[in-house]
Every structure is written in C-alpha cells, then in structure tokens.
Protein backbone atom coordinates (compact mmCIF):
# COMPACT_ATOMS: atom_id res chain seq x y z
CA MET A 1 -39.70 -16.12 -34.44
CA GLN A 2 -42.85 -14.90 -36.25
CA TYR A 3 -43.73 -12.77 -33.23
CA LYS A 4 -40.42 -10.92 -33.47
CA ARG A 5 -40.87 -10.35 -37.19
CA LEU A 6 -44.29 -8.75 -36.59
CA ILE A 7 -42.78 -6.34 -34.05
CA VAL A 8 -39.98 -5.36 -36.41
CA ALA A 9 -42.46 -4.92 -39.28
CA ALA A 10 -44.70 -2.70 -37.09
CA ALA A 11 -41.73 -0.62 -36.08
CA MET A 12 -40.65 -0.18 -39.68
CA ALA A 13 -44.21 0.78 -40.63
CA ALA A 14 -44.28 3.33 -37.83
CA LEU A 15 -40.95 4.68 -39.06
CA CYS A 16 -42.21 5.05 -42.63
CA SER A 17 -45.54 6.61 -41.68
CA GLY A 18 -43.91 8.89 -39.17
CA ALA A 19 -41.66 10.30 -41.84
CA TYR A 20 -44.62 12.38 -43.10
CA ALA A 21 -45.47 13.77 -39.67
CA GLN A 22 -42.04 14.31 -38.13
CA ASN A 23 -38.45 14.50 -39.10
CA PRO A 24 -36.48 11.26 -39.75
CA ALA A 25 -34.49 11.45 -36.47
CA GLU A 26 -37.64 11.51 -34.37
CA ALA A 27 -39.15 8.65 -36.39
CA ALA A 28 -36.03 6.50 -35.97
CA GLU A 29 -36.00 7.18 -32.21
CA ALA A 30 -39.62 6.15 -31.92
CA ALA A 31 -39.00 2.93 -33.86
CA ALA A 32 -35.98 2.04 -31.72
CA LYS A 33 -38.00 2.62 -28.57
CA ALA A 34 -40.78 0.36 -29.85
CA ILE A 35 -38.32 -2.43 -30.56
CA ALA A 36 -36.57 -2.06 -27.17
CA GLU A 37 -39.84 -2.17 -25.27
CA ALA A 38 -41.18 -5.20 -27.16
CA PRO A 39 -41.44 -8.36 -25.02
CA VAL A 40 -38.62 -10.87 -25.57
CA GLN A 41 -39.79 -14.33 -26.48
CA GLU A 42 -37.90 -16.99 -24.48
CA ALA A 43 -36.36 -19.85 -26.46
CA PRO A 44 -38.03 -23.16 -25.55
CA ALA A 45 -36.06 -25.26 -23.08
CA PRO A 46 -34.45 -28.34 -24.64
CA LYS A 47 -36.44 -31.50 -24.15
CA PRO A 48 -34.82 -33.69 -21.47
CA VAL A 49 -33.15 -36.87 -22.73
CA TYR A 50 -33.22 -39.84 -20.41
CA TRP A 51 -32.09 -42.67 -22.72
CA THR A 52 -28.66 -43.20 -24.27
CA ARG A 53 -27.90 -45.94 -26.77
CA SER A 54 -24.84 -47.35 -28.51
CA LEU A 55 -24.10 -50.38 -30.68
CA VAL A 56 -20.68 -51.44 -31.95
CA LEU A 57 -19.99 -54.34 -34.34
CA ASP A 58 -16.54 -55.84 -34.87
CA LEU A 59 -15.63 -58.21 -37.69
CA GLY A 60 -12.25 -59.93 -38.06
CA PHE A 61 -11.05 -62.19 -40.88
CA ASN A 62 -7.81 -63.93 -41.86
CA GLN A 63 -6.85 -66.54 -44.42
CA THR A 64 -3.80 -68.65 -45.26
CA GLY A 65 -3.27 -70.33 -48.63
CA LEU A 66 -0.35 -72.65 -49.39
CA VAL A 67 0.78 -74.01 -52.77
CA ASN A 68 3.78 -76.39 -52.89
CA TRP A 69 4.95 -74.94 -49.59
CA ALA A 70 8.01 -76.97 -48.61
CA ALA A 71 7.83 -76.11 -44.91
CA GLY A 72 4.35 -77.60 -44.68
CA GLY A 73 1.10 -76.37 -43.16
CA TYR A 74 -2.58 -76.23 -44.05
CA ASN A 75 -4.89 -73.83 -45.82
CA THR A 76 -7.03 -72.04 -43.22
CA VAL A 77 -9.84 -69.50 -43.04
CA ALA A 78 -10.83 -67.77 -39.78
CA LEU A 79 -13.71 -65.44 -39.02
CA ALA A 80 -14.73 -63.75 -35.76
CA ALA A 81 -17.51 -61.28 -34.98
CA SER A 82 -18.61 -59.45 -31.85
CA LEU A 83 -21.42 -57.15 -30.79
CA ASP A 84 -21.43 -54.72 -27.86
CA GLY A 85 -24.76 -52.97 -27.30
CA LYS A 86 -25.79 -50.61 -24.49
CA ILE A 87 -29.14 -49.05 -23.55
CA ASN A 88 -29.05 -46.84 -20.46
CA TYR A 89 -31.63 -44.71 -18.65
CA ALA A 90 -30.97 -41.89 -16.17
CA LYS A 91 -33.41 -39.49 -14.52
CA ASP A 92 -33.00 -37.65 -11.22
CA LEU A 93 -31.79 -40.26 -8.71
CA THR A 94 -32.63 -43.28 -10.88
CA LYS A 95 -30.38 -45.17 -13.32
CA TRP A 96 -30.93 -48.33 -15.32
CA ASP A 97 -27.97 -49.71 -17.30
CA ASN A 98 -28.22 -52.58 -19.79
CA ARG A 99 -25.40 -54.15 -21.80
CA LEU A 100 -25.28 -57.14 -24.16
CA GLN A 101 -21.97 -58.59 -25.38
CA MET A 102 -21.84 -61.42 -27.91
CA ASP A 103 -18.73 -62.98 -29.45
CA TYR A 104 -18.44 -65.81 -31.92
CA GLY A 105 -15.50 -67.02 -33.99
CA PHE A 106 -14.51 -70.14 -35.92
CA PHE A 107 -11.83 -71.37 -38.28
CA TRP A 108 -11.66 -73.91 -41.07
CA SER A 109 -8.49 -75.91 -41.65
CA ALA A 110 -7.77 -78.20 -44.59
CA ASP A 111 -6.58 -81.01 -42.31
CA LYS A 112 -10.10 -81.24 -40.78
CA ALA A 113 -12.06 -80.09 -43.81
CA THR A 114 -15.45 -81.52 -42.75
CA ILE A 115 -15.86 -79.39 -39.62
CA LEU A 116 -15.63 -75.81 -38.39
CA GLN A 117 -13.58 -75.45 -35.23
CA LYS A 118 -14.63 -72.80 -32.74
CA SER A 119 -12.22 -70.14 -31.52
CA THR A 120 -14.42 -67.93 -29.32
CA ASP A 121 -18.03 -68.08 -28.15
CA ARG A 122 -19.78 -65.97 -25.51
CA ILE A 123 -23.14 -64.46 -24.57
CA TYR A 124 -23.06 -61.97 -21.69
CA LEU A 125 -26.05 -59.86 -20.62
CA GLU A 126 -25.97 -57.37 -17.73
CA SER A 127 -28.84 -55.29 -16.36
CA LYS A 128 -28.52 -53.07 -13.28
CA PHE A 129 -31.05 -50.77 -11.61
CA ALA A 130 -29.61 -48.14 -9.26
CA TYR A 131 -31.17 -45.50 -7.01
CA LYS A 132 -28.97 -42.87 -5.36
CA THR A 133 -29.10 -42.53 -1.58
CA SER A 134 -29.10 -38.71 -2.07
CA LYS A 135 -28.43 -36.17 -4.81
CA ASP A 136 -24.70 -35.69 -4.07
CA SER A 137 -24.02 -39.17 -2.70
CA LYS A 138 -21.58 -41.61 -4.28
CA TRP A 139 -23.62 -44.58 -3.06
CA ASP A 140 -26.55 -46.26 -4.83
CA TYR A 141 -29.00 -48.96 -3.85
CA THR A 142 -28.76 -51.58 -6.61
CA ALA A 143 -30.45 -54.63 -8.05
CA GLY A 144 -28.47 -56.43 -10.74
CA LEU A 145 -29.16 -59.28 -13.14
CA ASP A 146 -26.56 -60.99 -15.30
CA PHE A 147 -26.57 -63.98 -17.64
CA LYS A 148 -23.71 -65.89 -19.29
CA SER A 149 -23.71 -68.74 -21.79
CA GLN A 150 -22.50 -69.70 -25.28
CA PHE A 151 -24.04 -70.38 -28.69
CA SER A 152 -22.84 -73.83 -29.77
CA ASP A 153 -21.01 -77.04 -28.88
CA THR A 154 -17.36 -76.88 -27.89
CA TRP A 155 -15.23 -79.99 -28.29
CA GLY A 156 -11.96 -80.82 -26.59
CA ASP A 157 -10.73 -83.06 -29.40
CA TYR A 158 -11.74 -84.51 -32.77
CA ASP A 159 -11.77 -87.97 -34.31
CA LYS A 160 -12.77 -89.60 -37.61
CA ASP A 161 -15.97 -91.57 -37.91
CA SER A 162 -16.50 -94.74 -39.93
CA GLU A 163 -16.86 -92.68 -43.12
CA GLY A 164 -13.60 -90.84 -42.55
CA LYS A 165 -15.28 -87.55 -41.57
CA TRP A 166 -14.02 -85.55 -38.65
CA THR A 167 -16.37 -85.32 -35.67
CA GLY A 168 -16.01 -83.79 -32.25
CA LYS A 169 -15.32 -85.79 -29.12
CA ASP A 170 -14.84 -84.92 -25.45
CA LEU A 171 -17.73 -82.40 -25.20
CA LYS A 172 -16.83 -79.31 -23.15
CA SER A 173 -19.89 -77.06 -23.42
CA ALA A 174 -23.11 -76.45 -25.38
CA PHE A 175 -25.90 -73.89 -25.64
CA PHE A 176 -27.27 -73.30 -22.13
CA SER A 177 -24.77 -75.88 -20.85
CA PRO A 178 -23.51 -74.25 -18.80
CA ALA A 179 -25.46 -71.02 -18.35
CA TYR A 180 -25.10 -68.77 -15.33
CA LEU A 181 -28.03 -66.62 -14.15
CA ASN A 182 -27.54 -64.36 -11.11
CA LEU A 183 -29.63 -61.77 -9.26
CA ALA A 184 -27.85 -59.57 -6.71
CA LEU A 185 -29.15 -56.95 -4.24
CA GLY A 186 -26.82 -54.51 -2.56
CA MET A 187 -25.12 -51.13 -2.81
CA GLN A 188 -22.69 -49.58 -5.27
CA TRP A 189 -19.93 -47.07 -4.59
CA THR A 190 -18.96 -44.83 -7.52
CA PRO A 191 -16.14 -42.47 -6.48
CA ASN A 192 -15.51 -41.27 -10.07
CA GLU A 193 -16.58 -41.84 -13.67
CA TRP A 194 -14.13 -44.65 -14.44
CA PHE A 195 -14.54 -46.94 -11.41
CA ASN A 196 -17.33 -48.51 -9.36
CA ILE A 197 -17.70 -51.44 -7.00
CA ASN A 198 -20.93 -53.23 -6.16
CA LEU A 199 -21.32 -55.06 -2.84
CA SER A 200 -24.18 -57.58 -2.74
CA PRO A 201 -24.60 -59.57 0.49
CA LEU A 202 -27.72 -61.15 -1.02
CA ALA A 203 -27.07 -62.86 -4.34
CA GLY A 204 -29.05 -65.77 -5.72
CA GLY A 205 -28.19 -67.68 -8.83
CA MET A 206 -28.52 -70.78 -10.95
CA VAL A 207 -25.99 -72.82 -12.84
CA ILE A 208 -27.95 -74.40 -15.70
CA CYS A 209 -26.99 -77.40 -17.80
CA THR A 210 -29.88 -78.41 -20.07
CA ASP A 211 -27.82 -80.76 -22.27
CA GLU A 212 -28.01 -84.38 -21.10
CA ARG A 213 -24.92 -85.56 -22.94
CA ASP A 214 -22.06 -86.88 -20.83
CA PRO A 215 -20.18 -85.51 -19.04
CA LEU A 216 -21.54 -81.94 -18.99
CA ARG A 217 -23.79 -82.05 -15.92
CA LYS A 218 -21.19 -83.82 -13.83
CA THR A 219 -18.45 -81.48 -15.03
CA TYR A 220 -20.30 -78.31 -14.00
CA GLY A 221 -21.26 -79.49 -10.53
CA MET A 222 -24.93 -80.42 -11.00
CA PRO A 223 -26.34 -82.30 -7.99
CA GLU A 224 -27.28 -85.96 -8.33
CA THR A 225 -30.96 -86.89 -8.18
CA GLU A 226 -30.01 -89.53 -5.58
CA PRO A 227 -26.59 -89.93 -3.95
CA GLY A 228 -24.53 -92.36 -5.99
CA SER A 229 -27.13 -92.67 -8.78
CA GLY A 230 -24.92 -91.10 -11.44
CA ILE A 231 -27.97 -89.17 -12.73
CA TYR A 232 -27.58 -85.40 -12.46
CA ARG A 233 -30.13 -82.59 -12.25
CA PRO A 234 -30.16 -79.79 -14.88
CA VAL A 235 -29.89 -76.94 -12.33
CA LEU A 236 -27.68 -76.09 -9.37
CA PHE A 237 -29.28 -73.41 -7.16
CA GLN A 238 -26.92 -71.06 -5.34
CA PHE A 239 -27.35 -68.37 -2.69
CA GLY A 240 -24.50 -66.26 -1.42
CA ALA A 241 -22.65 -62.94 -1.58
CA GLN A 242 -21.19 -61.19 -4.62
CA VAL A 243 -18.66 -58.42 -5.24
CA LYS A 244 -18.45 -56.84 -8.72
CA ALA A 245 -15.87 -54.19 -9.62
CA ASN A 246 -15.70 -52.31 -12.94
CA ALA A 247 -13.02 -49.97 -14.24
CA ARG A 248 -12.47 -48.24 -17.58
CA ALA A 249 -9.67 -45.95 -18.75
CA SER A 250 -9.27 -44.20 -22.13
CA ILE A 251 -6.38 -42.35 -23.76
CA ASN A 252 -7.24 -39.71 -26.43
CA ASP A 253 -10.28 -41.70 -27.66
CA LYS A 254 -8.07 -44.26 -29.39
CA PHE A 255 -6.74 -46.58 -26.68
CA SER A 256 -9.01 -47.95 -23.96
CA VAL A 257 -8.79 -50.57 -21.24
CA GLU A 258 -11.86 -52.08 -19.59
CA THR A 259 -11.85 -54.63 -16.77
CA GLN A 260 -14.46 -56.38 -14.62
CA LEU A 261 -13.85 -58.61 -11.59
CA VAL A 262 -16.69 -60.68 -10.11
CA LEU A 263 -16.35 -62.73 -6.90
CA PHE A 264 -19.12 -65.03 -5.67
CA TYR A 265 -19.32 -67.05 -2.45
CA ASP A 266 -22.07 -69.66 -2.06
CA TYR A 267 -23.60 -69.83 1.43
CA ILE A 268 -25.49 -73.09 0.98
CA ASN A 269 -23.36 -75.28 -1.31
CA ARG A 270 -19.85 -76.41 -0.67
CA PRO A 271 -17.30 -77.34 -3.33
CA ARG A 272 -16.41 -81.00 -3.64
CA TYR A 273 -12.89 -80.36 -2.42
CA SER A 274 -11.23 -78.34 0.35
CA GLY A 275 -9.68 -75.56 -1.75
CA PHE A 276 -10.53 -71.89 -2.26
CA PRO A 277 -14.38 -71.70 -2.14
CA ILE A 278 -14.97 -68.47 -4.12
CA ARG A 279 -15.86 -68.35 -7.83
CA VAL A 280 -13.78 -65.78 -9.73
CA ASN A 281 -14.51 -64.22 -13.12
CA TRP A 282 -12.05 -61.61 -14.37
CA ASP A 283 -12.66 -60.15 -17.85
CA ASN A 284 -10.39 -57.65 -19.63
CA LYS A 285 -10.88 -55.81 -22.91
CA ILE A 286 -8.11 -53.72 -24.53
CA SER A 287 -8.92 -51.73 -27.68
CA TRP A 288 -6.70 -49.62 -29.93
CA MET A 289 -8.35 -47.72 -32.79
CA ILE A 290 -5.66 -47.60 -35.47
CA SER A 291 -8.03 -45.76 -37.84
CA LYS A 292 -11.66 -44.70 -37.94
CA LEU A 293 -12.86 -48.16 -39.01
CA PHE A 294 -10.12 -50.56 -37.87
CA LYS A 295 -9.23 -51.69 -34.38
CA ILE A 296 -6.76 -54.00 -32.67
CA GLY A 297 -8.44 -55.82 -29.80
CA LEU A 298 -7.20 -58.06 -27.02
CA ASN A 299 -9.68 -59.84 -24.78
CA THR A 300 -8.77 -62.06 -21.84
CA TRP A 301 -10.95 -64.15 -19.53
CA LEU A 302 -9.85 -65.76 -16.27
CA ILE A 303 -12.18 -68.14 -14.45
CA TYR A 304 -11.75 -69.98 -11.18
CA ASP A 305 -14.76 -72.14 -10.34
CA PRO A 306 -14.49 -74.62 -7.43
CA PHE A 307 -17.47 -76.62 -8.76
CA VAL A 308 -16.04 -77.37 -12.23
CA ALA A 309 -14.41 -80.79 -12.56
CA PHE A 310 -11.30 -81.61 -14.63
CA ASP A 311 -11.17 -85.39 -14.67
CA ASP A 312 -8.03 -85.47 -16.81
CA ILE A 313 -5.85 -83.54 -14.34
CA PRO A 314 -2.76 -85.70 -13.76
CA ASP A 315 -2.06 -84.52 -10.20
CA GLY A 316 -5.28 -86.04 -8.92
CA ASN A 317 -6.99 -82.75 -7.99
CA ALA A 318 -9.92 -82.65 -10.42
CA PHE A 319 -11.44 -79.40 -9.12
CA GLY A 320 -10.49 -75.78 -8.61
CA LYS A 321 -8.19 -75.14 -11.55
CA VAL A 322 -7.57 -71.68 -12.98
CA GLN A 323 -8.96 -71.32 -16.50
CA PHE A 324 -7.53 -68.67 -18.83
CA LYS A 325 -8.30 -67.61 -22.38
CA GLU A 326 -7.08 -64.76 -24.58
CA PHE A 327 -8.26 -63.60 -28.00
CA LEU A 328 -6.23 -61.17 -30.15
CA SER A 329 -7.79 -59.75 -33.32
CA ILE A 330 -7.61 -57.00 -35.92
CA ASN A 331 -11.19 -55.94 -36.62
CA PHE A 332 -13.27 -53.88 -38.95
CA THR A 333 -15.34 -51.80 -36.52
CA TRP A 334 -18.72 -50.29 -37.29
CA SER A 335 -20.51 -48.02 -34.83
CA ILE A 336 -24.17 -48.15 -35.84
CA ALA A 337 -25.49 -45.86 -33.12
CA ASN A 338 -23.95 -43.77 -30.43
CA LYS A 339 -26.37 -41.00 -29.54
CA LYS A 340 -28.66 -39.42 -27.02
C-alpha cells in the first residue's frame, strides 16, 4: 500500500513540476503514463487454514410446584446439559476429525427428596484419521478410535434405609462400568457431503467394567477368572469387524437430523445364547432452532448387545434384548465457537 502511495506522489510531483516546463495537458499525460507503467503490487495470498473448531452447549430446565393441588403429584425440578465439541484438520489428502459429546441430566422429586435421580448420562468420544486414495477419489483409508461411557451410578430402583432416607438399589451402570473402547482399521466411502460409510474388517475393542459391585461385571459379559468361580474379570477383549454409517441432513439452517449406525461382529467371542450375534448401536439427533438461542431437541438411542444379561426377563431369555431410550428437551443453546 505504501509503495503505491509513493508512485502516486511521484506522479503528482512530476505533474506539478512539469506545469512550469510544459502545458497542463502534456503534464497530465506524462503523469498518467507514469502511473500506468508502475509495477502492480500483488495482494498477499490468504494464509491456508487447516483447522476448524466448533463448540455448542445446551442447557434445559423445568420445574413443577404444587400447592393444595387436589389431583395430586409432587414438586419436581429437572436440569439437563449437553456439550458437542468438534476439532477437525484437513490438508491435501489428509483429514483428522475429532468429536466429543457429553450429556448429563437429573431431576429432583419431593417424594424422594434425599436423592437426585438421573435422566440422561453419556460420554462419547470419536477420533478418525483418513487419507484419500487419490485427489478425486471418494474412498479414504481410515483409522478410527471411539470411546463410550457414563459419568455416575445408575439405579434401577430405590428403597429406604434404616434412617428413612432413599437410596438406590439394583445397580445398572457406573463410571467406566461399562466403558467401550474400539479401534478400527478400514476404508470409508463418502459419495457426498451428508453421508459416509466406514468398513473396517479389522476392529479391536475392550468392554471395561472397573466397578466390582454386583452384578455389573456379570451383566456386561465379563469373563470369569475360572469357569464356575463366580468371580469376573474387569475387561472383555474383542476382535472383529465393524461397519459405521453416518448421515446428516439440514433444512434452512433451522431443522437438522443426524444419525449414526454402528454394527460390530466379534470373531473370537461368542454370545452366551444362540441369537443374533452382532452388536448394534443406532443414535439419532433431531434439532429444531426455534430462535437464535433456543432449540427443541430429540435424541434417541437404540442398543442391541448379545453379551448384556437381563436376569429379570420373564420369558427366560436373559440375553439379546433391544434397549431403547429417547430424550426430548427444550434447550437454551450457546455456540461458543464456530470458526476457521
């Protein structure tokens, strides 16, 4: 910019000084010629950006208060929060995508005033490295890592202790109990921006259950230290094949649908019954932005795990039951970062 100013200033000086030696028309022509012949300074190329980042926080709250309410009921307070963070890298043929999703919600009810009851709880981390087979190809070589667990204890029922306080009973899950850690090697097909499918014939994983309280390790299929001992190991090692499909569709930046289906077949372990031997995880997220800061969200999770035991099933088949959960919320949404 300074270089251009110097040229213009020199031309103007030449114009002014030339006014004494020649007529104004000749001086103006000479100045115009000097400007036209001056070298053009190229604007610097924009610095390449390889990283993209985004972080979205959702917070939902509801409360019910009753005073002399003839129809009955209990005072309640419910709170739920979620975080969805992404950090992605792309350069030439290389991509590295990372995503962390965390959800936690609880409610307090006056009928069980000494405890907080959990409504939703999830930790889900995904990391995937991809390298294109060629510049215009829709296929990538991939290596993917994912981890799933939850933050706190989940109870199937509650009872009063000797002091009349409510306590949980029938433990269903705890932190790192279970936790699923998987590493998959394969190839990914991406025909368009909204859909991809990853095929991994080599997928190794661990089902982890660090909590020793009954009946968690037995429930999640941990192997016994010795057959018939009733003592279970904290880790079940798995090796098999995995298929992961992702799809996302948006309508005018307000309504979006996101779905992920993961199928896993274990080569070395066999379920403890003769049913369908493939683990299924199907997650769906539907979002509708009703204003800039408020969103209606519907999340659903479907799980089919042939290793998970349900001892209270009345038909006698304690394994291989479809698990389903949905969570509907109206949230205050805050996008902290969404930039390149």
